[in-house]
Structures are given as C-alpha cells and as structure tokens.
N, C-alpha and C. Protein backbone atom coordinates (compact mmCIF):
# COMPACT_ATOMS: atom_id res chain seq x y z
N MET A 1 6.99 0.35 19.13
CA MET A 1 7.62 0.75 17.91
C MET A 1 9.11 0.44 17.94
N ALA A 2 9.76 0.75 19.06
CA ALA A 2 11.19 0.48 19.20
C ALA A 2 11.48 -1.01 19.12
N ASP A 3 10.58 -1.82 19.68
CA ASP A 3 10.78 -3.27 19.63
C ASP A 3 10.73 -3.80 18.20
N ALA A 4 9.81 -3.28 17.41
CA ALA A 4 9.70 -3.71 16.01
C ALA A 4 10.95 -3.32 15.23
N LEU A 5 11.44 -2.11 15.43
CA LEU A 5 12.65 -1.66 14.75
C LEU A 5 13.85 -2.48 15.20
N ASP A 6 13.94 -2.76 16.49
CA ASP A 6 15.02 -3.58 17.03
C ASP A 6 15.03 -4.95 16.35
N HIS A 7 13.87 -5.56 16.23
CA HIS A 7 13.74 -6.87 15.60
C HIS A 7 14.18 -6.83 14.13
N LEU A 8 13.75 -5.82 13.41
CA LEU A 8 14.12 -5.69 12.00
C LEU A 8 15.63 -5.53 11.83
N VAL A 9 16.22 -4.66 12.64
CA VAL A 9 17.66 -4.39 12.50
C VAL A 9 18.48 -5.61 12.90
N ARG A 10 18.09 -6.29 13.97
CA ARG A 10 18.82 -7.50 14.39
C ARG A 10 18.84 -8.56 13.29
N GLY A 11 17.83 -8.57 12.45
CA GLY A 11 17.75 -9.55 11.38
C GLY A 11 18.69 -9.29 10.21
N ILE A 12 19.27 -8.10 10.12
CA ILE A 12 20.12 -7.79 8.97
C ILE A 12 21.58 -7.55 9.32
N VAL A 13 21.93 -7.59 10.61
CA VAL A 13 23.32 -7.31 11.00
C VAL A 13 24.07 -8.59 11.36
N ASP A 14 25.40 -8.48 11.39
CA ASP A 14 26.25 -9.60 11.78
C ASP A 14 26.44 -9.69 13.29
N HIS A 15 26.22 -8.59 14.00
CA HIS A 15 26.39 -8.55 15.46
C HIS A 15 25.07 -8.11 16.12
N PRO A 16 24.06 -8.99 16.13
CA PRO A 16 22.76 -8.59 16.68
C PRO A 16 22.80 -8.24 18.17
N GLU A 17 23.77 -8.78 18.87
CA GLU A 17 23.88 -8.46 20.30
C GLU A 17 24.29 -7.02 20.55
N ARG A 18 24.80 -6.35 19.53
CA ARG A 18 25.26 -4.96 19.66
C ARG A 18 24.23 -3.95 19.16
N VAL A 19 23.04 -4.41 18.80
CA VAL A 19 21.98 -3.50 18.35
C VAL A 19 21.33 -2.85 19.56
N ARG A 20 21.16 -1.54 19.48
CA ARG A 20 20.48 -0.81 20.55
C ARG A 20 19.58 0.23 19.91
N VAL A 21 18.35 0.28 20.34
CA VAL A 21 17.40 1.29 19.87
C VAL A 21 16.97 2.11 21.07
N ASP A 22 17.31 3.39 21.05
CA ASP A 22 16.94 4.31 22.12
C ASP A 22 15.80 5.19 21.65
N VAL A 23 14.88 5.50 22.56
CA VAL A 23 13.72 6.32 22.23
C VAL A 23 13.88 7.68 22.91
N ARG A 24 13.71 8.73 22.12
CA ARG A 24 13.72 10.09 22.66
C ARG A 24 12.43 10.77 22.25
N ASP A 25 11.81 11.46 23.20
CA ASP A 25 10.63 12.26 22.87
C ASP A 25 11.07 13.69 22.63
N THR A 26 10.62 14.24 21.52
CA THR A 26 10.93 15.63 21.18
C THR A 26 9.61 16.35 20.91
N PRO A 27 9.65 17.67 20.87
CA PRO A 27 8.41 18.40 20.56
C PRO A 27 7.82 18.04 19.19
N ARG A 28 8.65 17.56 18.29
CA ARG A 28 8.18 17.22 16.94
C ARG A 28 7.80 15.75 16.82
N GLY A 29 7.87 15.01 17.91
CA GLY A 29 7.51 13.59 17.89
C GLY A 29 8.61 12.72 18.46
N GLU A 30 8.42 11.44 18.31
CA GLU A 30 9.35 10.45 18.85
C GLU A 30 10.53 10.24 17.89
N VAL A 31 11.73 10.08 18.46
CA VAL A 31 12.92 9.77 17.67
C VAL A 31 13.46 8.43 18.14
N LEU A 32 13.64 7.50 17.21
CA LEU A 32 14.24 6.21 17.51
C LEU A 32 15.68 6.25 16.99
N GLU A 33 16.64 6.15 17.90
CA GLU A 33 18.05 6.17 17.53
C GLU A 33 18.57 4.74 17.49
N VAL A 34 19.08 4.34 16.34
CA VAL A 34 19.59 2.99 16.14
C VAL A 34 21.11 3.03 16.23
N ARG A 35 21.66 2.20 17.12
CA ARG A 35 23.11 2.07 17.25
C ARG A 35 23.46 0.61 16.98
N VAL A 36 24.50 0.41 16.15
CA VAL A 36 24.94 -0.93 15.81
C VAL A 36 26.45 -0.99 15.88
N HIS A 37 26.99 -2.20 15.80
CA HIS A 37 28.44 -2.39 15.73
C HIS A 37 28.95 -1.62 14.51
N PRO A 38 30.12 -0.97 14.63
CA PRO A 38 30.64 -0.17 13.50
C PRO A 38 30.72 -0.94 12.18
N SER A 39 31.02 -2.22 12.23
CA SER A 39 31.11 -2.99 10.98
C SER A 39 29.74 -3.26 10.35
N ASP A 40 28.67 -3.07 11.11
CA ASP A 40 27.31 -3.28 10.60
C ASP A 40 26.66 -1.99 10.10
N LEU A 41 27.32 -0.87 10.29
CA LEU A 41 26.72 0.41 9.93
C LEU A 41 26.34 0.48 8.45
N GLY A 42 27.24 0.04 7.58
CA GLY A 42 26.96 0.06 6.15
C GLY A 42 25.80 -0.83 5.77
N ARG A 43 25.65 -1.93 6.47
CA ARG A 43 24.56 -2.86 6.19
C ARG A 43 23.21 -2.23 6.58
N VAL A 44 23.18 -1.48 7.67
CA VAL A 44 21.94 -0.86 8.12
C VAL A 44 21.59 0.34 7.24
N ILE A 45 22.60 1.08 6.80
CA ILE A 45 22.33 2.22 5.92
C ILE A 45 22.00 1.75 4.51
N GLY A 46 22.77 0.79 4.01
CA GLY A 46 22.51 0.25 2.68
C GLY A 46 23.06 1.12 1.57
N ARG A 47 23.10 0.56 0.39
CA ARG A 47 23.62 1.28 -0.78
C ARG A 47 22.72 2.47 -1.08
N GLY A 48 23.32 3.63 -1.06
CA GLY A 48 22.55 4.85 -1.33
C GLY A 48 21.52 5.17 -0.26
N GLY A 49 21.65 4.55 0.91
CA GLY A 49 20.71 4.80 2.00
C GLY A 49 19.38 4.08 1.85
N ARG A 50 19.34 3.10 0.95
CA ARG A 50 18.06 2.43 0.67
C ARG A 50 17.53 1.64 1.86
N THR A 51 18.41 0.94 2.57
CA THR A 51 17.93 0.14 3.72
C THR A 51 17.41 1.05 4.82
N ALA A 52 18.17 2.10 5.14
CA ALA A 52 17.73 3.05 6.17
C ALA A 52 16.40 3.69 5.77
N SER A 53 16.27 4.03 4.52
CA SER A 53 15.02 4.63 4.03
C SER A 53 13.86 3.65 4.17
N SER A 54 14.11 2.40 3.85
CA SER A 54 13.06 1.38 3.99
C SER A 54 12.65 1.19 5.44
N LEU A 55 13.63 1.19 6.35
CA LEU A 55 13.32 1.07 7.78
C LEU A 55 12.47 2.26 8.23
N ARG A 56 12.83 3.45 7.76
CA ARG A 56 12.05 4.65 8.12
C ARG A 56 10.61 4.54 7.61
N THR A 57 10.46 4.06 6.38
CA THR A 57 9.12 3.91 5.80
C THR A 57 8.28 2.92 6.59
N LEU A 58 8.88 1.78 6.94
CA LEU A 58 8.15 0.77 7.72
C LEU A 58 7.72 1.31 9.08
N VAL A 59 8.64 1.97 9.78
CA VAL A 59 8.33 2.50 11.11
C VAL A 59 7.26 3.57 11.01
N SER A 60 7.35 4.44 10.01
CA SER A 60 6.34 5.49 9.84
C SER A 60 4.96 4.90 9.57
N SER A 61 4.92 3.83 8.79
CA SER A 61 3.62 3.22 8.49
C SER A 61 3.04 2.50 9.71
N LEU A 62 3.90 2.01 10.59
CA LEU A 62 3.43 1.35 11.81
C LEU A 62 3.01 2.35 12.89
N ALA A 63 3.55 3.56 12.82
CA ALA A 63 3.27 4.57 13.84
C ALA A 63 1.82 5.02 13.72
N GLU A 64 1.17 5.13 14.86
CA GLU A 64 -0.24 5.52 14.87
C GLU A 64 -0.43 6.95 14.36
N ASN A 65 0.45 7.84 14.79
CA ASN A 65 0.29 9.24 14.39
C ASN A 65 1.30 9.65 13.31
N GLY A 66 2.18 8.74 12.90
CA GLY A 66 3.14 9.03 11.85
C GLY A 66 4.24 9.99 12.23
N ARG A 67 4.32 10.34 13.50
CA ARG A 67 5.33 11.30 13.94
C ARG A 67 6.50 10.59 14.62
N VAL A 68 7.12 9.68 13.90
CA VAL A 68 8.27 8.95 14.42
C VAL A 68 9.41 9.12 13.43
N ARG A 69 10.58 9.48 13.95
CA ARG A 69 11.76 9.62 13.10
C ARG A 69 12.76 8.56 13.49
N VAL A 70 13.47 8.01 12.52
CA VAL A 70 14.49 7.00 12.77
C VAL A 70 15.84 7.59 12.39
N ASP A 71 16.77 7.59 13.34
CA ASP A 71 18.14 8.05 13.09
C ASP A 71 19.09 6.88 13.28
N VAL A 72 19.97 6.66 12.31
CA VAL A 72 21.03 5.67 12.45
C VAL A 72 22.25 6.42 12.94
N VAL A 73 22.72 6.08 14.15
CA VAL A 73 23.79 6.81 14.80
C VAL A 73 25.12 6.12 14.56
N ASP A 74 26.10 6.88 14.10
CA ASP A 74 27.46 6.37 13.91
C ASP A 74 28.13 6.32 15.27
N THR A 75 28.47 5.11 15.72
CA THR A 75 29.03 4.94 17.06
C THR A 75 30.55 4.95 17.08
N ASP A 76 31.21 5.16 15.94
CA ASP A 76 32.67 5.24 15.93
C ASP A 76 33.11 6.35 16.87
N GLY A 77 34.04 6.03 17.73
CA GLY A 77 34.57 7.02 18.66
C GLY A 77 33.81 7.09 19.96
N GLU A 78 32.64 6.47 20.04
CA GLU A 78 31.91 6.44 21.30
C GLU A 78 32.46 5.32 22.17
N PRO A 79 32.54 5.54 23.47
CA PRO A 79 33.01 4.46 24.34
C PRO A 79 32.04 3.29 24.30
N GLU A 80 32.59 2.08 24.34
CA GLU A 80 31.74 0.89 24.32
C GLU A 80 31.13 0.68 25.68
N GLY A 81 29.85 0.39 25.69
CA GLY A 81 29.16 0.13 26.94
C GLY A 81 28.89 -1.35 27.10
N ASP A 82 28.02 -1.67 28.03
CA ASP A 82 27.66 -3.06 28.28
C ASP A 82 26.59 -3.55 27.32
N ALA A 83 26.09 -2.67 26.48
CA ALA A 83 25.01 -3.04 25.56
C ALA A 83 25.54 -3.98 24.56
C-alpha cells in the first residue's frame, strides 16, 4: 500500500526524491504518513484539499480491509534527513 501511495505522490511533485511514506500501525488500523519537500506540500494537498482527498480515496479502495488512513505531514521546521 505504501509503495502505491509513494508512486502516486512522486508523480505529482517537483521534488520526487524528497517523497517519503512512513507506515505506522495503530489500534485503529494502518496510518501512511506522507512527507514531501515544503514547496510540494500545496501540490499534494491541492485546492481545497481535493488532491489529498483523492489520494485517501484511492488508498482506501486499494486496502483489503479499508482500515488505512493517509496523513500529509507538514515538514516545515523538521530537520532535514538523508531521505
């Protein structure tokens, strides 16, 4: 699931090398956290959140049990890593 989301997000950003999708397991299901270059954040969220909503819909439909949440994480202020 994370690989599919990673592929989708890399296709819409200007800095695909800075895309990172982290997977967290929670009691309520899996959480996919999407991190992108700060200048790509608006592109991933989209006008009125439409792009982020579409990504969530696609991932939910691909999920076998439907218990997957997608969070777009604002990385401003986070230290830059090697990712």
